[in-house]
Amino acid sequence: MSATTAVTTRGLPHRPRTPSDLPTPLLAFVSAAIVAAVGLIAIGLWHDHKVLSEAGWGLVAWVGAIALVGLVAVSSESGPQLGLDMPLLLAAGFLFGPAV
């Protein structure tokens, strides 16, 4: 083991963050952002409900692939994680457009 690995392991204990560790204002902001996003998607689908039927099973396959890739995250020892689903989200956005 290298000296830098030993020093960082001893010097910085690894504590994974749980939702209960988040400050209350941050938790309220995240909750409000999620509610706003889901609400806007629901309103958009209510106004144009034919969008999902026109997209077909291709959209279901893309959603499944993005969900599977979203479960795989590359973690580091210091805590940050690298999500790998952004390229698939961009590709689905280019294929299906903003209406879906």
Protein backbone atom coordinates (compact mmCIF):
# COMPACT_ATOMS: atom_id res chain seq x y z
CA MET A 1 0.00 0.00 0.00
CA SER A 2 1.30 3.43 -0.84
CA ALA A 3 1.92 6.10 1.77
CA THR A 4 -0.69 8.48 0.34
CA THR A 5 -3.39 5.83 0.49
CA ALA A 6 -2.54 5.03 4.09
CA VAL A 7 -2.56 8.70 5.06
CA THR A 8 -5.88 9.48 3.40
CA THR A 9 -7.50 6.39 4.85
CA ARG A 10 -6.40 7.25 8.38
CA GLY A 11 -6.89 11.00 8.07
CA LEU A 12 -10.36 11.07 6.53
CA PRO A 13 -12.88 8.57 7.83
CA HIS A 14 -15.44 7.56 5.23
CA ARG A 15 -18.99 8.37 6.28
CA PRO A 16 -21.66 7.84 3.66
CA ARG A 17 -24.30 10.55 3.64
CA THR A 18 -27.86 9.55 4.38
CA PRO A 19 -30.93 11.74 3.82
CA SER A 20 -31.17 12.32 7.58
CA ASP A 21 -27.70 13.99 7.52
CA LEU A 22 -28.81 16.66 5.04
CA PRO A 23 -29.66 20.13 6.36
CA THR A 24 -33.38 20.87 6.50
CA PRO A 25 -33.32 23.76 3.95
CA LEU A 26 -31.48 21.59 1.44
CA LEU A 27 -33.92 18.72 1.97
CA ALA A 28 -36.85 21.13 1.48
CA PHE A 29 -35.29 22.51 -1.71
CA VAL A 30 -34.68 19.04 -3.16
CA SER A 31 -38.23 17.96 -2.28
CA ALA A 32 -39.70 21.08 -3.89
CA ALA A 33 -37.62 20.56 -7.04
CA ILE A 34 -38.79 16.95 -7.34
CA VAL A 35 -42.43 17.90 -6.83
CA ALA A 36 -42.14 20.71 -9.41
CA ALA A 37 -40.51 18.43 -11.99
CA VAL A 38 -43.05 15.64 -11.56
CA GLY A 39 -45.88 18.17 -11.64
CA LEU A 40 -44.66 19.77 -14.86
CA ILE A 41 -44.28 16.37 -16.51
CA ALA A 42 -47.79 15.39 -15.41
CA ILE A 43 -49.27 18.64 -16.73
CA GLY A 44 -47.45 18.21 -20.05
CA LEU A 45 -48.70 14.64 -20.43
CA TRP A 46 -52.22 15.70 -19.50
CA HIS A 47 -52.26 18.35 -22.23
CA ASP A 48 -50.74 16.07 -24.88
CA HIS A 49 -51.56 12.49 -23.84
CA LYS A 50 -50.84 11.03 -27.30
CA VAL A 51 -47.10 11.59 -26.91
CA LEU A 52 -46.52 8.34 -25.01
CA SER A 53 -48.46 6.20 -27.48
CA GLU A 54 -46.55 7.75 -30.40
CA ALA A 55 -43.17 7.07 -28.78
CA GLY A 56 -43.95 3.36 -28.52
CA TRP A 57 -41.86 0.60 -27.01
CA GLY A 58 -38.63 2.35 -27.95
CA LEU A 59 -39.17 4.79 -25.12
CA VAL A 60 -39.73 1.91 -22.68
CA ALA A 61 -36.44 0.33 -23.78
CA TRP A 62 -34.57 3.61 -23.31
CA VAL A 63 -36.09 4.18 -19.87
CA GLY A 64 -35.10 0.64 -18.85
CA ALA A 65 -31.55 1.10 -20.12
CA ILE A 66 -31.19 4.43 -18.33
CA ALA A 67 -32.54 2.91 -15.10
CA LEU A 68 -30.05 0.03 -15.28
CA VAL A 69 -27.10 2.31 -16.00
CA GLY A 70 -28.25 4.70 -13.27
CA LEU A 71 -27.90 1.92 -10.72
CA VAL A 72 -24.23 1.51 -11.57
CA ALA A 73 -22.15 4.33 -10.12
CA VAL A 74 -18.38 4.48 -9.91
CA SER A 75 -17.46 5.33 -6.32
CA SER A 76 -14.21 6.70 -5.01
CA GLU A 77 -12.67 6.38 -1.57
CA SER A 78 -13.25 10.03 -0.70
CA GLY A 79 -16.99 9.88 -1.28
CA PRO A 80 -18.00 11.38 -4.66
CA GLN A 81 -19.72 9.12 -7.17
CA LEU A 82 -19.61 9.29 -10.94
CA GLY A 83 -22.96 8.65 -12.59
CA LEU A 84 -22.81 7.09 -16.04
CA ASP A 85 -26.36 7.72 -17.21
CA MET A 86 -25.93 11.23 -18.67
CA PRO A 87 -24.83 10.06 -22.17
CA LEU A 88 -27.93 7.86 -22.41
CA LEU A 89 -30.16 10.67 -21.18
CA LEU A 90 -28.73 12.98 -23.83
CA ALA A 91 -29.17 10.35 -26.55
CA ALA A 92 -32.80 9.73 -25.54
CA GLY A 93 -33.39 13.49 -25.52
CA PHE A 94 -32.02 13.82 -29.04
CA LEU A 95 -34.05 10.85 -30.34
CA PHE A 96 -37.39 11.61 -28.74
CA GLY A 97 -37.24 15.39 -28.48
CA PRO A 98 -38.54 17.62 -25.72
CA ALA A 99 -42.20 16.58 -26.06
CA VAL A 100 -41.65 13.23 -24.37
